[in-house]
Amino acid sequence: MTGNKELLIDMNTSVTGKVQMPTGELINITGMGTLVLNTSTGTKHIREVMYLPGLKENLLSVGQMDEHGYHLVFGSNMCSIFDDSSLEKLIMKVEMKKNRCYPLTLSPTDYVALRAGVSHST
């Protein structure tokens, strides 16, 4: 889940609903897209990330990460996210906050469209 629309690509705004936060507050889902993470092991795409305008933290579902093949290890107030079961390809570490959540600090990925062409002269 993210409140920052700029973090998502391939946004599907037909996905709607509500998510209940731990405080009991209901937040509207106004779309779903793919989160792009630039990591030391390459670019990762996390699909089916909900867009919730007004959400102040970026939160990933442990179950969703598991379904997409990522491996999470918790300990010492940290969550380590790995790209494989060998636990050798560390993607990132996220520190636990006082509310027992592991919020991600992310920046939008800049995409550049490139076009190449060949000109034949006779």
PDB file of N, CA and C in Angstrom:
ATOM      1  N   MET A   1       0.844  -1.168   0.000  1.00  0.00           N
ATOM      2  CA  MET A   1       0.000   0.000   0.000  1.00  0.00           C
ATOM      3  C   MET A   1       0.888   1.230   0.000  1.00  0.00           C
ATOM      4  N   THR A   2       0.467   2.217  -0.751  1.00  0.00           N
ATOM      5  CA  THR A   2       1.193   3.478  -0.762  1.00  0.00           C
ATOM      6  C   THR A   2       0.211   4.629  -0.918  1.00  0.00           C
ATOM      7  N   GLY A   3       0.582   5.758  -0.387  1.00  0.00           N
ATOM      8  CA  GLY A   3      -0.179   6.979  -0.581  1.00  0.00           C
ATOM      9  C   GLY A   3       0.458   7.867  -1.628  1.00  0.00           C
ATOM     10  N   ASN A   4       1.540   7.399  -2.241  1.00  0.00           N
ATOM     11  CA  ASN A   4       2.270   8.176  -3.240  1.00  0.00           C
ATOM     12  C   ASN A   4       2.056   7.556  -4.616  1.00  0.00           C
ATOM     13  N   LYS A   5       1.178   8.159  -5.394  1.00  0.00           N
ATOM     14  CA  LYS A   5       0.830   7.651  -6.724  1.00  0.00           C
ATOM     15  C   LYS A   5       2.038   7.612  -7.653  1.00  0.00           C
ATOM     16  N   GLU A   6       3.003   8.496  -7.431  1.00  0.00           N
ATOM     17  CA  GLU A   6       4.189   8.569  -8.286  1.00  0.00           C
ATOM     18  C   GLU A   6       5.086   7.336  -8.166  1.00  0.00           C
ATOM     19  N   LEU A   7       4.897   6.532  -7.130  1.00  0.00           N
ATOM     20  CA  LEU A   7       5.706   5.325  -6.958  1.00  0.00           C
ATOM     21  C   LEU A   7       5.213   4.170  -7.819  1.00  0.00           C
ATOM     22  N   LEU A   8       4.009   4.308  -8.394  1.00  0.00           N
ATOM     23  CA  LEU A   8       3.383   3.204  -9.113  1.00  0.00           C
ATOM     24  C   LEU A   8       3.399   3.403 -10.618  1.00  0.00           C
ATOM     25  N   ILE A   9       3.554   2.295 -11.330  1.00  0.00           N
ATOM     26  CA  ILE A   9       3.392   2.298 -12.782  1.00  0.00           C
ATOM     27  C   ILE A   9       2.233   1.348 -13.099  1.00  0.00           C
ATOM     28  N   ASP A  10       1.766   1.387 -14.329  1.00  0.00           N
ATOM     29  CA  ASP A  10       0.669   0.510 -14.767  1.00  0.00           C
ATOM     30  C   ASP A  10      -0.529   0.596 -13.826  1.00  0.00           C
ATOM     31  N   MET A  11      -0.925   1.823 -13.476  1.00  0.00           N
ATOM     32  CA  MET A  11      -2.012   2.048 -12.524  1.00  0.00           C
ATOM     33  C   MET A  11      -3.358   1.635 -13.115  1.00  0.00           C
ATOM     34  N   ASN A  12      -4.115   0.848 -12.366  1.00  0.00           N
ATOM     35  CA  ASN A  12      -5.469   0.449 -12.732  1.00  0.00           C
ATOM     36  C   ASN A  12      -6.421   1.135 -11.760  1.00  0.00           C
ATOM     37  N   THR A  13      -7.091   2.191 -12.213  1.00  0.00           N
ATOM     38  CA  THR A  13      -7.966   2.968 -11.330  1.00  0.00           C
ATOM     39  C   THR A  13      -9.346   2.343 -11.165  1.00  0.00           C
ATOM     40  N   SER A  14      -9.604   1.219 -11.835  1.00  0.00           N
ATOM     41  CA  SER A  14     -10.902   0.561 -11.651  1.00  0.00           C
ATOM     42  C   SER A  14     -10.927  -0.276 -10.369  1.00  0.00           C
ATOM     43  N   VAL A  15      -9.764  -0.476  -9.754  1.00  0.00           N
ATOM     44  CA  VAL A  15      -9.695  -1.207  -8.486  1.00  0.00           C
ATOM     45  C   VAL A  15     -10.030  -0.234  -7.368  1.00  0.00           C
ATOM     46  N   THR A  16     -11.102  -0.513  -6.639  1.00  0.00           N
ATOM     47  CA  THR A  16     -11.526   0.358  -5.544  1.00  0.00           C
ATOM     48  C   THR A  16     -11.895  -0.494  -4.334  1.00  0.00           C
ATOM     49  N   GLY A  17     -12.094   0.155  -3.222  1.00  0.00           N
ATOM     50  CA  GLY A  17     -12.486  -0.516  -1.996  1.00  0.00           C
ATOM     51  C   GLY A  17     -12.032   0.302  -0.806  1.00  0.00           C
ATOM     52  N   LYS A  18     -11.958  -0.339   0.346  1.00  0.00           N
ATOM     53  CA  LYS A  18     -11.518   0.329   1.567  1.00  0.00           C
ATOM     54  C   LYS A  18     -10.586  -0.602   2.334  1.00  0.00           C
ATOM     55  N   VAL A  19      -9.652  -0.003   3.053  1.00  0.00           N
ATOM     56  CA  VAL A  19      -8.743  -0.746   3.929  1.00  0.00           C
ATOM     57  C   VAL A  19      -8.905  -0.178   5.330  1.00  0.00           C
ATOM     58  N   GLN A  20      -9.068  -1.064   6.310  1.00  0.00           N
ATOM     59  CA  GLN A  20      -9.163  -0.611   7.691  1.00  0.00           C
ATOM     60  C   GLN A  20      -7.773  -0.623   8.310  1.00  0.00           C
ATOM     61  N   MET A  21      -7.374   0.530   8.819  1.00  0.00           N
ATOM     62  CA  MET A  21      -6.070   0.677   9.442  1.00  0.00           C
ATOM     63  C   MET A  21      -6.141   0.190  10.892  1.00  0.00           C
ATOM     64  N   PRO A  22      -4.994  -0.060  11.537  1.00  0.00           N
ATOM     65  CA  PRO A  22      -4.993  -0.519  12.930  1.00  0.00           C
ATOM     66  C   PRO A  22      -5.724   0.428  13.881  1.00  0.00           C
ATOM     67  N   THR A  23      -5.810   1.701  13.512  1.00  0.00           N
ATOM     68  CA  THR A  23      -6.513   2.683  14.343  1.00  0.00           C
ATOM     69  C   THR A  23      -8.023   2.594  14.176  1.00  0.00           C
ATOM     70  N   GLY A  24      -8.486   1.780  13.222  1.00  0.00           N
ATOM     71  CA  GLY A  24      -9.909   1.680  12.930  1.00  0.00           C
ATOM     72  C   GLY A  24     -10.347   2.556  11.772  1.00  0.00           C
ATOM     73  N   GLU A  25      -9.480   3.478  11.367  1.00  0.00           N
ATOM     74  CA  GLU A  25      -9.794   4.381  10.261  1.00  0.00           C
ATOM     75  C   GLU A  25      -9.909   3.596   8.956  1.00  0.00           C
ATOM     76  N   LEU A  26     -10.926   3.947   8.146  1.00  0.00           N
ATOM     77  CA  LEU A  26     -11.088   3.351   6.823  1.00  0.00           C
ATOM     78  C   LEU A  26     -10.510   4.292   5.783  1.00  0.00           C
ATOM     79  N   ILE A  27      -9.643   3.771   4.923  1.00  0.00           N
ATOM     80  CA  ILE A  27      -9.035   4.577   3.864  1.00  0.00           C
ATOM     81  C   ILE A  27      -9.449   3.982   2.528  1.00  0.00           C
ATOM     82  N   ASN A  28      -9.842   4.852   1.599  1.00  0.00           N
ATOM     83  CA  ASN A  28     -10.286   4.420   0.279  1.00  0.00           C
ATOM     84  C   ASN A  28      -9.130   3.936  -0.582  1.00  0.00           C
ATOM     85  N   ILE A  29      -9.359   2.834  -1.281  1.00  0.00           N
ATOM     86  CA  ILE A  29      -8.444   2.355  -2.320  1.00  0.00           C
ATOM     87  C   ILE A  29      -8.925   2.972  -3.623  1.00  0.00           C
ATOM     88  N   THR A  30      -8.053   3.686  -4.324  1.00  0.00           N
ATOM     89  CA  THR A  30      -8.470   4.313  -5.584  1.00  0.00           C
ATOM     90  C   THR A  30      -7.657   3.814  -6.773  1.00  0.00           C
ATOM     91  N   GLY A  31      -6.998   2.680  -6.602  1.00  0.00           N
ATOM     92  CA  GLY A  31      -6.256   2.104  -7.714  1.00  0.00           C
ATOM     93  C   GLY A  31      -5.255   1.077  -7.232  1.00  0.00           C
ATOM     94  N   MET A  32      -4.672   0.395  -8.210  1.00  0.00           N
ATOM     95  CA  MET A  32      -3.649  -0.606  -7.928  1.00  0.00           C
ATOM     96  C   MET A  32      -2.631  -0.559  -9.061  1.00  0.00           C
ATOM     97  N   GLY A  33      -1.363  -0.689  -8.699  1.00  0.00           N
ATOM     98  CA  GLY A  33      -0.324  -0.637  -9.721  1.00  0.00           C
ATOM     99  C   GLY A  33       0.881  -1.467  -9.333  1.00  0.00           C
ATOM    100  N   THR A  34       1.966  -1.238 -10.028  1.00  0.00           N
ATOM    101  CA  THR A  34       3.217  -1.953  -9.796  1.00  0.00           C
ATOM    102  C   THR A  34       4.236  -0.996  -9.195  1.00  0.00           C
ATOM    103  N   LEU A  35       4.818  -1.399  -8.084  1.00  0.00           N
ATOM    104  CA  LEU A  35       5.844  -0.619  -7.408  1.00  0.00           C
ATOM    105  C   LEU A  35       7.200  -1.015  -7.972  1.00  0.00           C
ATOM    106  N   VAL A  36       7.993  -0.032  -8.362  1.00  0.00           N
ATOM    107  CA  VAL A  36       9.322  -0.291  -8.915  1.00  0.00           C
ATOM    108  C   VAL A  36      10.365   0.052  -7.858  1.00  0.00           C
ATOM    109  N   LEU A  37      11.195  -0.932  -7.526  1.00  0.00           N
ATOM    110  CA  LEU A  37      12.265  -0.726  -6.551  1.00  0.00           C
ATOM    111  C   LEU A  37      13.607  -0.858  -7.246  1.00  0.00           C
ATOM    112  N   ASN A  38      14.440   0.153  -7.120  1.00  0.00           N
ATOM    113  CA  ASN A  38      15.817   0.067  -7.612  1.00  0.00           C
ATOM    114  C   ASN A  38      16.677  -0.403  -6.448  1.00  0.00           C
ATOM    115  N   THR A  39      17.261  -1.590  -6.588  1.00  0.00           N
ATOM    116  CA  THR A  39      18.037  -2.181  -5.508  1.00  0.00           C
ATOM    117  C   THR A  39      19.450  -2.494  -5.983  1.00  0.00           C
ATOM    118  N   SER A  40      20.276  -2.905  -5.051  1.00  0.00           N
ATOM    119  CA  SER A  40      21.653  -3.261  -5.409  1.00  0.00           C
ATOM    120  C   SER A  40      21.708  -4.515  -6.280  1.00  0.00           C
ATOM    121  N   THR A  41      20.631  -5.309  -6.285  1.00  0.00           N
ATOM    122  CA  THR A  41      20.592  -6.517  -7.117  1.00  0.00           C
ATOM    123  C   THR A  41      19.799  -6.299  -8.401  1.00  0.00           C
ATOM    124  N   GLY A  42      19.437  -5.047  -8.676  1.00  0.00           N
ATOM    125  CA  GLY A  42      18.693  -4.742  -9.901  1.00  0.00           C
ATOM    126  C   GLY A  42      17.321  -4.166  -9.605  1.00  0.00           C
ATOM    127  N   THR A  43      16.578  -3.900 -10.648  1.00  0.00           N
ATOM    128  CA  THR A  43      15.240  -3.333 -10.515  1.00  0.00           C
ATOM    129  C   THR A  43      14.243  -4.442 -10.221  1.00  0.00           C
ATOM    130  N   LYS A  44      13.412  -4.239  -9.210  1.00  0.00           N
ATOM    131  CA  LYS A  44      12.387  -5.205  -8.818  1.00  0.00           C
ATOM    132  C   LYS A  44      11.014  -4.582  -9.032  1.00  0.00           C
ATOM    133  N   HIS A  45      10.061  -5.397  -9.461  1.00  0.00           N
ATOM    134  CA  HIS A  45       8.690  -4.952  -9.674  1.00  0.00           C
ATOM    135  C   HIS A  45       7.779  -5.723  -8.722  1.00  0.00           C
ATOM    136  N   ILE A  46       7.099  -4.995  -7.854  1.00  0.00           N
ATOM    137  CA  ILE A  46       6.153  -5.613  -6.932  1.00  0.00           C
ATOM    138  C   ILE A  46       4.757  -5.260  -7.425  1.00  0.00           C
ATOM    139  N   ARG A  47       4.042  -6.281  -7.893  1.00  0.00           N
ATOM    140  CA  ARG A  47       2.727  -6.082  -8.497  1.00  0.00           C
ATOM    141  C   ARG A  47       1.634  -6.004  -7.435  1.00  0.00           C
ATOM    142  N   GLU A  48       0.499  -5.486  -7.863  1.00  0.00           N
ATOM    143  CA  GLU A  48      -0.724  -5.455  -7.054  1.00  0.00           C
ATOM    144  C   GLU A  48      -0.573  -4.628  -5.780  1.00  0.00           C
ATOM    145  N   VAL A  49       0.091  -3.487  -5.888  1.00  0.00           N
ATOM    146  CA  VAL A  49       0.237  -2.576  -4.753  1.00  0.00           C
ATOM    147  C   VAL A  49      -0.915  -1.578  -4.803  1.00  0.00           C
ATOM    148  N   MET A  50      -1.660  -1.485  -3.708  1.00  0.00           N
ATOM    149  CA  MET A  50      -2.828  -0.603  -3.662  1.00  0.00           C
ATOM    150  C   MET A  50      -2.413   0.851  -3.452  1.00  0.00           C
ATOM    151  N   TYR A  51      -3.158   1.745  -4.119  1.00  0.00           N
ATOM    152  CA  TYR A  51      -2.962   3.184  -3.933  1.00  0.00           C
ATOM    153  C   TYR A  51      -4.056   3.697  -3.016  1.00  0.00           C
ATOM    154  N   LEU A  52      -3.653   4.255  -1.881  1.00  0.00           N
ATOM    155  CA  LEU A  52      -4.565   4.814  -0.895  1.00  0.00           C
ATOM    156  C   LEU A  52      -4.178   6.264  -0.654  1.00  0.00           C
ATOM    157  N   PRO A  53      -4.841   7.207  -1.330  1.00  0.00           N
ATOM    158  CA  PRO A  53      -4.499   8.620  -1.129  1.00  0.00           C
ATOM    159  C   PRO A  53      -4.569   8.979   0.358  1.00  0.00           C
ATOM    160  N   GLY A  54      -3.574   9.683   0.823  1.00  0.00           N
ATOM    161  CA  GLY A  54      -3.552  10.104   2.220  1.00  0.00           C
ATOM    162  C   GLY A  54      -2.775   9.173   3.136  1.00  0.00           C
ATOM    163  N   LEU A  55      -2.450   7.978   2.667  1.00  0.00           N
ATOM    164  CA  LEU A  55      -1.648   7.071   3.482  1.00  0.00           C
ATOM    165  C   LEU A  55      -0.254   7.669   3.629  1.00  0.00           C
ATOM    166  N   LYS A  56       0.219   7.782   4.858  1.00  0.00           N
ATOM    167  CA  LYS A  56       1.477   8.488   5.103  1.00  0.00           C
ATOM    168  C   LYS A  56       2.711   7.591   5.002  1.00  0.00           C
ATOM    169  N   GLU A  57       2.535   6.286   5.077  1.00  0.00           N
ATOM    170  CA  GLU A  57       3.657   5.351   5.007  1.00  0.00           C
ATOM    171  C   GLU A  57       3.463   4.412   3.820  1.00  0.00           C
ATOM    172  N   ASN A  58       4.551   3.850   3.325  1.00  0.00           N
ATOM    173  CA  ASN A  58       4.494   2.800   2.306  1.00  0.00           C
ATOM    174  C   ASN A  58       4.603   1.473   3.038  1.00  0.00           C
ATOM    175  N   LEU A  59       3.576   0.632   2.906  1.00  0.00           N
ATOM    176  CA  LEU A  59       3.544  -0.633   3.626  1.00  0.00           C
ATOM    177  C   LEU A  59       3.374  -1.788   2.651  1.00  0.00           C
ATOM    178  N   LEU A  60       4.168  -2.828   2.832  1.00  0.00           N
ATOM    179  CA  LEU A  60       4.046  -4.025   2.009  1.00  0.00           C
ATOM    180  C   LEU A  60       3.494  -5.157   2.862  1.00  0.00           C
ATOM    181  N   SER A  61       2.623  -5.953   2.282  1.00  0.00           N
ATOM    182  CA  SER A  61       2.046  -7.105   2.951  1.00  0.00           C
ATOM    183  C   SER A  61       3.052  -8.254   2.952  1.00  0.00           C
ATOM    184  N   VAL A  62       3.275  -8.845   4.123  1.00  0.00           N
ATOM    185  CA  VAL A  62       4.188  -9.983   4.222  1.00  0.00           C
ATOM    186  C   VAL A  62       3.676 -11.125   3.347  1.00  0.00           C
ATOM    187  N   GLY A  63       2.376 -11.395   3.408  1.00  0.00           N
ATOM    188  CA  GLY A  63       1.794 -12.455   2.594  1.00  0.00           C
ATOM    189  C   GLY A  63       1.960 -12.197   1.109  1.00  0.00           C
ATOM    190  N   GLN A  64       1.763 -10.958   0.710  1.00  0.00           N
ATOM    191  CA  GLN A  64       1.903 -10.601  -0.704  1.00  0.00           C
ATOM    192  C   GLN A  64       3.355 -10.763  -1.162  1.00  0.00           C
ATOM    193  N   MET A  65       4.294 -10.347  -0.340  1.00  0.00           N
ATOM    194  CA  MET A  65       5.708 -10.500  -0.693  1.00  0.00           C
ATOM    195  C   MET A  65       6.056 -11.986  -0.834  1.00  0.00           C
ATOM    196  N   ASP A  66       5.533 -12.814   0.061  1.00  0.00           N
ATOM    197  CA  ASP A  66       5.764 -14.255  -0.006  1.00  0.00           C
ATOM    198  C   ASP A  66       5.170 -14.836  -1.290  1.00  0.00           C
ATOM    199  N   GLU A  67       3.951 -14.422  -1.636  1.00  0.00           N
ATOM    200  CA  GLU A  67       3.305 -14.903  -2.862  1.00  0.00           C
ATOM    201  C   GLU A  67       4.111 -14.552  -4.112  1.00  0.00           C
ATOM    202  N   HIS A  68       4.828 -13.443  -4.074  1.00  0.00           N
ATOM    203  CA  HIS A  68       5.607 -12.998  -5.228  1.00  0.00           C
ATOM    204  C   HIS A  68       7.048 -13.528  -5.210  1.00  0.00           C
ATOM    205  N   GLY A  69       7.350 -14.452  -4.279  1.00  0.00           N
ATOM    206  CA  GLY A  69       8.648 -15.118  -4.293  1.00  0.00           C
ATOM    207  C   GLY A  69       9.745 -14.456  -3.483  1.00  0.00           C
ATOM    208  N   TYR A  70       9.413 -13.422  -2.713  1.00  0.00           N
ATOM    209  CA  TYR A  70      10.422 -12.781  -1.877  1.00  0.00           C
ATOM    210  C   TYR A  70      10.492 -13.499  -0.530  1.00  0.00           C
ATOM    211  N   HIS A  71      11.619 -13.378   0.149  1.00  0.00           N
ATOM    212  CA  HIS A  71      11.821 -14.022   1.437  1.00  0.00           C
ATOM    213  C   HIS A  71      12.152 -12.946   2.461  1.00  0.00           C
ATOM    214  N   LEU A  72      11.395 -12.949   3.562  1.00  0.00           N
ATOM    215  CA  LEU A  72      11.559 -11.938   4.595  1.00  0.00           C
ATOM    216  C   LEU A  72      12.076 -12.584   5.867  1.00  0.00           C
ATOM    217  N   VAL A  73      13.052 -11.921   6.489  1.00  0.00           N
ATOM    218  CA  VAL A  73      13.618 -12.386   7.747  1.00  0.00           C
ATOM    219  C   VAL A  73      13.477 -11.248   8.749  1.00  0.00           C
ATOM    220  N   PHE A  74      12.855 -11.561   9.902  1.00  0.00           N
ATOM    221  CA  PHE A  74      12.636 -10.562  10.935  1.00  0.00           C
ATOM    222  C   PHE A  74      13.535 -10.846  12.124  1.00  0.00           C
ATOM    223  N   GLY A  75      14.093  -9.788  12.707  1.00  0.00           N
ATOM    224  CA  GLY A  75      14.912  -9.920  13.903  1.00  0.00           C
ATOM    225  C   GLY A  75      15.634  -8.628  14.203  1.00  0.00           C
ATOM    226  N   SER A  76      15.896  -8.386  15.472  1.00  0.00           N
ATOM    227  CA  SER A  76      16.615  -7.186  15.920  1.00  0.00           C
ATOM    228  C   SER A  76      15.963  -5.911  15.400  1.00  0.00           C
ATOM    229  N   ASN A  77      14.628  -5.871  15.429  1.00  0.00           N
ATOM    230  CA  ASN A  77      13.847  -4.705  14.990  1.00  0.00           C
ATOM    231  C   ASN A  77      14.078  -4.351  13.527  1.00  0.00           C
ATOM    232  N   MET A  78      14.441  -5.350  12.722  1.00  0.00           N
ATOM    233  CA  MET A  78      14.660  -5.137  11.294  1.00  0.00           C
ATOM    234  C   MET A  78      13.899  -6.196  10.505  1.00  0.00           C
ATOM    235  N   CYS A  79      13.512  -5.818   9.285  1.00  0.00           N
ATOM    236  CA  CYS A  79      12.982  -6.766   8.315  1.00  0.00           C
ATOM    237  C   CYS A  79      13.935  -6.745   7.133  1.00  0.00           C
ATOM    238  N   SER A  80      14.538  -7.887   6.849  1.00  0.00           N
ATOM    239  CA  SER A  80      15.433  -8.004   5.699  1.00  0.00           C
ATOM    240  C   SER A  80      14.670  -8.703   4.586  1.00  0.00           C
ATOM    241  N   ILE A  81      14.657  -8.095   3.400  1.00  0.00           N
ATOM    242  CA  ILE A  81      13.925  -8.636   2.257  1.00  0.00           C
ATOM    243  C   ILE A  81      14.942  -9.180   1.261  1.00  0.00           C
ATOM    244  N   PHE A  82      14.784 -10.464   0.932  1.00  0.00           N
ATOM    245  CA  PHE A  82      15.693 -11.146   0.015  1.00  0.00           C
ATOM    246  C   PHE A  82      14.962 -11.546  -1.259  1.00  0.00           C
ATOM    247  N   ASP A  83      15.718 -11.637  -2.337  1.00  0.00           N
ATOM    248  CA  ASP A  83      15.173 -11.981  -3.644  1.00  0.00           C
ATOM    249  C   ASP A  83      15.123 -13.489  -3.875  1.00  0.00           C
ATOM    250  N   ASP A  84      15.746 -14.268  -3.003  1.00  0.00           N
ATOM    251  CA  ASP A  84      15.782 -15.709  -3.233  1.00  0.00           C
ATOM    252  C   ASP A  84      15.826 -16.460  -1.906  1.00  0.00           C
ATOM    253  N   SER A  85      15.551 -17.757  -1.976  1.00  0.00           N
ATOM    254  CA  SER A  85      15.495 -18.566  -0.757  1.00  0.00           C
ATOM    255  C   SER A  85      16.867 -18.833  -0.148  1.00  0.00           C
ATOM    256  N   SER A  86      17.937 -18.603  -0.892  1.00  0.00           N
ATOM    257  CA  SER A  86      19.280 -18.806  -0.337  1.00  0.00           C
ATOM    258  C   SER A  86      19.662 -17.682   0.628  1.00  0.00           C
ATOM    259  N   LEU A  87      18.860 -16.624   0.643  1.00  0.00           N
ATOM    260  CA  LEU A  87      19.091 -15.456   1.496  1.00  0.00           C
ATOM    261  C   LEU A  87      20.428 -14.791   1.194  1.00  0.00           C
ATOM    262  N   GLU A  88      20.851 -14.855  -0.056  1.00  0.00           N
ATOM    263  CA  GLU A  88      22.105 -14.221  -0.467  1.00  0.00           C
ATOM    264  C   GLU A  88      21.876 -12.891  -1.172  1.00  0.00           C
ATOM    265  N   LYS A  89      20.728 -12.718  -1.810  1.00  0.00           N
ATOM    266  CA  LYS A  89      20.466 -11.499  -2.581  1.00  0.00           C
ATOM    267  C   LYS A  89      19.577 -10.554  -1.777  1.00  0.00           C
ATOM    268  N   LEU A  90      20.205  -9.773  -0.901  1.00  0.00           N
ATOM    269  CA  LEU A  90      19.481  -8.814  -0.071  1.00  0.00           C
ATOM    270  C   LEU A  90      18.986  -7.657  -0.931  1.00  0.00           C
ATOM    271  N   ILE A  91      17.692  -7.393  -0.872  1.00  0.00           N
ATOM    272  CA  ILE A  91      17.119  -6.269  -1.609  1.00  0.00           C
ATOM    273  C   ILE A  91      17.151  -5.017  -0.746  1.00  0.00           C
ATOM    274  N   MET A  92      16.661  -5.151   0.486  1.00  0.00           N
ATOM    275  CA  MET A  92      16.674  -4.003   1.399  1.00  0.00           C
ATOM    276  C   MET A  92      16.414  -4.455   2.819  1.00  0.00           C
ATOM    277  N   LYS A  93      16.767  -3.561   3.740  1.00  0.00           N
ATOM    278  CA  LYS A  93      16.455  -3.746   5.151  1.00  0.00           C
ATOM    279  C   LYS A  93      15.562  -2.594   5.571  1.00  0.00           C
ATOM    280  N   VAL A  94      14.546  -2.918   6.376  1.00  0.00           N
ATOM    281  CA  VAL A  94      13.598  -1.909   6.835  1.00  0.00           C
ATOM    282  C   VAL A  94      13.531  -1.981   8.355  1.00  0.00           C
ATOM    283  N   GLU A  95      13.695  -0.842   8.999  1.00  0.00           N
ATOM    284  CA  GLU A  95      13.686  -0.785  10.456  1.00  0.00           C
ATOM    285  C   GLU A  95      12.263  -0.699  10.991  1.00  0.00           C
ATOM    286  N   MET A  96      11.996  -1.426  12.087  1.00  0.00           N
ATOM    287  CA  MET A  96      10.686  -1.372  12.722  1.00  0.00           C
ATOM    288  C   MET A  96      10.529  -0.041  13.465  1.00  0.00           C
ATOM    289  N   LYS A  97       9.355   0.557  13.336  1.00  0.00           N
ATOM    290  CA  LYS A  97       9.051   1.810  14.028  1.00  0.00           C
ATOM    291  C   LYS A  97       8.317   1.518  15.332  1.00  0.00           C
ATOM    292  N   LYS A  98       8.032   2.556  16.110  1.00  0.00           N
ATOM    293  CA  LYS A  98       7.380   2.400  17.407  1.00  0.00           C
ATOM    294  C   LYS A  98       6.007   1.749  17.313  1.00  0.00           C
ATOM    295  N   ASN A  99       5.328   1.906  16.164  1.00  0.00           N
ATOM    296  CA  ASN A  99       3.995   1.320  15.996  1.00  0.00           C
ATOM    297  C   ASN A  99       4.054  -0.131  15.514  1.00  0.00           C
ATOM    298  N   ARG A 100       5.258  -0.722  15.526  1.00  0.00           N
ATOM    299  CA  ARG A 100       5.519  -2.107  15.125  1.00  0.00           C
ATOM    300  C   ARG A 100       5.293  -2.356  13.635  1.00  0.00           C
ATOM    301  N   CYS A 101       5.344  -1.322  12.847  1.00  0.00           N
ATOM    302  CA  CYS A 101       5.268  -1.454  11.392  1.00  0.00           C
ATOM    303  C   CYS A 101       6.659  -1.241  10.808  1.00  0.00           C
ATOM    304  N   TYR A 102       6.820  -1.677   9.586  1.00  0.00           N
ATOM    305  CA  TYR A 102       8.083  -1.545   8.868  1.00  0.00           C
ATOM    306  C   TYR A 102       7.836  -0.684   7.630  1.00  0.00           C
ATOM    307  N   PRO A 103       7.784   0.641   7.801  1.00  0.00           N
ATOM    308  CA  PRO A 103       7.484   1.505   6.648  1.00  0.00           C
ATOM    309  C   PRO A 103       8.684   1.652   5.716  1.00  0.00           C
ATOM    310  N   LEU A 104       8.399   1.680   4.417  1.00  0.00           N
ATOM    311  CA  LEU A 104       9.442   1.842   3.405  1.00  0.00           C
ATOM    312  C   LEU A 104       9.576   3.299   3.029  1.00  0.00           C
ATOM    313  N   THR A 105      10.786   3.786   2.945  1.00  0.00           N
ATOM    314  CA  THR A 105      11.052   5.126   2.437  1.00  0.00           C
ATOM    315  C   THR A 105      11.496   4.957   0.994  1.00  0.00           C
ATOM    316  N   LEU A 106      10.661   5.426   0.072  1.00  0.00           N
ATOM    317  CA  LEU A 106      10.919   5.220  -1.352  1.00  0.00           C
ATOM    318  C   LEU A 106      10.843   6.525  -2.108  1.00  0.00           C
ATOM    319  N   SER A 107      11.533   6.580  -3.232  1.00  0.00           N
ATOM    320  CA  SER A 107      11.482   7.722  -4.142  1.00  0.00           C
ATOM    321  C   SER A 107      10.934   7.244  -5.474  1.00  0.00           C
ATOM    322  N   PRO A 108      10.174   8.115  -6.154  1.00  0.00           N
ATOM    323  CA  PRO A 108       9.680   7.724  -7.481  1.00  0.00           C
ATOM    324  C   PRO A 108      10.838   7.427  -8.420  1.00  0.00           C
ATOM    325  N   THR A 109      10.646   6.433  -9.272  1.00  0.00           N
ATOM    326  CA  THR A 109      11.642   6.078 -10.278  1.00  0.00           C
ATOM    327  C   THR A 109      11.422   6.944 -11.499  1.00  0.00           C
ATOM    328  N   ASP A 110      12.485   7.523 -11.988  1.00  0.00           N
ATOM    329  CA  ASP A 110      12.382   8.326 -13.206  1.00  0.00           C
ATOM    330  C   ASP A 110      12.505   7.412 -14.407  1.00  0.00           C
ATOM    331  N   TYR A 111      11.515   7.483 -15.270  1.00  0.00           N
ATOM    332  CA  TYR A 111      11.547   6.714 -16.506  1.00  0.00           C
ATOM    333  C   TYR A 111      11.836   7.648 -17.651  1.00  0.00           C
ATOM    334  N   VAL A 112      12.667   7.189 -18.548  1.00  0.00           N
ATOM    335  CA  VAL A 112      13.006   7.961 -19.738  1.00  0.00           C
ATOM    336  C   VAL A 112      12.624   7.119 -20.938  1.00  0.00           C
ATOM    337  N   ALA A 113      11.855   7.711 -21.837  1.00  0.00           N
ATOM    338  CA  ALA A 113      11.490   7.001 -23.062  1.00  0.00           C
ATOM    339  C   ALA A 113      12.539   7.306 -24.113  1.00  0.00           C
ATOM    340  N   LEU A 114      13.085   6.267 -24.689  1.00  0.00           N
ATOM    341  CA  LEU A 114      14.100   6.425 -25.721  1.00  0.00           C
ATOM    342  C   LEU A 114      13.568   5.855 -27.023  1.00  0.00           C
ATOM    343  N   ARG A 115      13.974   6.467 -28.114  1.00  0.00           N
ATOM    344  CA  ARG A 115      13.563   5.985 -29.420  1.00  0.00           C
ATOM    345  C   ARG A 115      14.775   6.001 -30.335  1.00  0.00           C
ATOM    346  N   ALA A 116      14.938   4.939 -31.067  1.00  0.00           N
ATOM    347  CA  ALA A 116      16.041   4.862 -32.021  1.00  0.00           C
ATOM    348  C   ALA A 116      15.460   4.549 -33.387  1.00  0.00           C
ATOM    349  N   GLY A 117      16.087   5.061 -34.380  1.00  0.00           N
ATOM    350  CA  GLY A 117      15.629   4.794 -35.736  1.00  0.00           C
ATOM    351  C   GLY A 117      16.812   4.741 -36.682  1.00  0.00           C
ATOM    352  N   VAL A 118      16.592   4.170 -37.833  1.00  0.00           N
ATOM    353  CA  VAL A 118      17.628   4.074 -38.855  1.00  0.00           C
ATOM    354  C   VAL A 118      17.134   4.807 -40.081  1.00  0.00           C
ATOM    355  N   SER A 119      17.977   5.644 -40.601  1.00  0.00           N
ATOM    356  CA  SER A 119      17.639   6.377 -41.815  1.00  0.00           C
ATOM    357  C   SER A 119      18.468   5.808 -42.955  1.00  0.00           C
ATOM    358  N   HIS A 120      17.796   5.425 -44.016  1.00  0.00           N
ATOM    359  CA  HIS A 120      18.481   4.897 -45.199  1.00  0.00           C
ATOM    360  C   HIS A 120      18.490   5.977 -46.269  1.00  0.00           C
ATOM    361  N   SER A 121      19.660   6.352 -46.708  1.00  0.00           N
ATOM    362  CA  SER A 121      19.735   7.341 -47.793  1.00  0.00           C
ATOM    363  C   SER A 121      20.237   6.642 -49.053  1.00  0.00           C
ATOM    364  N   THR A 122      19.649   7.030 -50.163  1.00  0.00           N
ATOM    365  CA  THR A 122      20.050   6.411 -51.435  1.00  0.00           C
ATOM    366  C   THR A 122      20.730   7.393 -52.327  1.00  0.00           C
TER     367      THR A 122
END
